[in-house]
Each structure stands twice: as structure tokens, then as C-alpha cells.
């Protein structure tokens, strides 16, 4: 009996979901953009998530790509570079 080669499925990015868990002021914060949804968090954290997404978008635009055109590894690197410094 021949052993079949199993195809390894590659992970595909279809979008980002940012969830903030530090909001306790009763506000419901939701930001939607192309391929991105940010929900929850305190005002400060939500603003930081928005800044990160804006910088990420700028970096992707420079590369001529969208979120869904990146590999998971490339996207993680871009997000790390885009995060605002505390």
C-alpha cells in the first residue's frame, strides 16, 4: 500500500480582530475598517489599537499589499513595528 503524501495547509490571513478587555466605563467601543474590527477596551487602549492599525495600513500601502495579502509571519512583524511605544 502506498503512503499518501499529506498536503500541509498553509495559514491564511483574512483579517484582524482586536479585542480589548480593560474597559470598565460602560462604553461600547467598536472600530471597523477594511479587514479589521476592533472591539472593547478602555478609551486609551482602544486609541492605541487604532493607532496600530493606522500605522499597519501605512506600512502595507508602502508594500502595495492588503492584510489578506500577507503571511501570518509577515503580519505579526508589521504589527510589532506599528505598535505605539508606551
Protein backbone atom coordinates (compact mmCIF):
# COMPACT_ATOMS: atom_id res chain seq x y z
CA UNK A 1 0.00 0.00 0.00
CA UNK A 2 1.35 3.41 -0.97
CA UNK A 3 1.50 6.07 1.67
CA UNK A 4 -0.20 9.24 0.53
CA UNK A 5 1.65 12.47 0.92
CA UNK A 6 -0.37 14.75 3.10
CA UNK A 7 -0.64 18.31 1.94
CA UNK A 8 0.21 20.74 4.66
CA UNK A 9 -2.33 23.52 4.71
CA UNK A 10 -0.87 26.97 4.95
CA UNK A 11 -2.44 29.50 7.27
CA UNK A 12 -4.21 32.33 5.50
CA UNK A 13 -4.91 35.76 6.94
CA UNK A 14 -8.37 37.06 6.10
CA UNK A 15 -8.50 39.91 8.60
CA UNK A 16 -7.75 41.11 12.10
CA UNK A 17 -9.86 41.17 15.23
CA UNK A 18 -8.63 43.29 18.12
CA UNK A 19 -10.33 42.74 21.47
CA UNK A 20 -9.65 44.98 24.44
CA UNK A 21 -10.56 43.59 27.83
CA UNK A 22 -9.70 46.50 30.09
CA UNK A 23 -12.84 48.63 29.55
CA UNK A 24 -14.97 49.12 32.63
CA UNK A 25 -16.55 52.52 31.98
CA UNK A 26 -19.72 51.20 30.33
CA UNK A 27 -18.86 52.43 26.81
CA UNK A 28 -19.05 50.08 23.83
CA UNK A 29 -16.15 50.88 21.55
CA UNK A 30 -16.16 49.42 18.05
CA UNK A 31 -13.95 50.42 15.14
CA UNK A 32 -14.38 48.81 11.73
CA UNK A 33 -12.08 49.20 8.73
CA UNK A 34 -11.27 47.09 5.71
CA UNK A 35 -10.25 43.66 7.03
CA UNK A 36 -10.13 44.95 10.65
CA UNK A 37 -12.54 45.07 13.60
CA UNK A 38 -11.55 46.48 17.00
CA UNK A 39 -13.90 46.00 19.94
CA UNK A 40 -13.95 46.82 23.60
CA UNK A 41 -11.29 48.23 25.90
CA UNK A 42 -10.74 51.48 27.71
CA UNK A 43 -10.59 54.69 25.69
CA UNK A 44 -6.79 54.72 25.98
CA UNK A 45 -6.33 51.11 24.87
CA UNK A 46 -8.81 51.47 22.01
CA UNK A 47 -6.93 54.53 20.78
CA UNK A 48 -3.65 52.58 20.87
CA UNK A 49 -5.24 49.75 18.87
CA UNK A 50 -6.49 52.31 16.33
CA UNK A 51 -3.02 53.90 16.05
CA UNK A 52 -1.51 50.47 15.48
CA UNK A 53 -3.99 49.69 12.70
CA UNK A 54 -3.35 53.07 11.03
CA UNK A 55 0.43 52.51 11.06
CA UNK A 56 -0.07 48.94 9.86
CA UNK A 57 -2.18 50.23 6.98
CA UNK A 58 0.53 52.73 6.03
CA UNK A 59 3.20 50.02 6.06
CA UNK A 60 1.03 47.75 3.92
CA UNK A 61 0.30 50.58 1.50
CA UNK A 62 4.05 51.17 1.05
CA UNK A 63 4.38 47.50 0.11
CA UNK A 64 1.37 47.58 -2.18
CA UNK A 65 -0.44 44.97 -0.08
CA UNK A 66 -3.59 44.45 1.95
CA UNK A 67 -3.85 42.48 5.19
CA UNK A 68 -5.13 39.45 3.31
CA UNK A 69 -2.08 39.57 1.00
CA UNK A 70 0.37 38.92 3.85
CA UNK A 71 1.54 35.76 5.50
CA UNK A 72 0.81 35.38 9.22
CA UNK A 73 4.52 35.81 9.98
CA UNK A 74 4.83 38.98 7.91
CA UNK A 75 1.70 40.42 9.51
CA UNK A 76 2.99 39.74 13.04
CA UNK A 77 6.24 41.56 12.20
CA UNK A 78 4.36 44.52 10.73
CA UNK A 79 2.09 44.77 13.77
CA UNK A 80 5.07 44.69 16.14
CA UNK A 81 6.68 47.51 14.18
CA UNK A 82 3.42 49.50 14.11
CA UNK A 83 2.64 49.36 17.85
CA UNK A 84 2.90 52.72 19.62
CA UNK A 85 5.64 52.81 22.21
CA UNK A 86 4.40 53.24 25.80
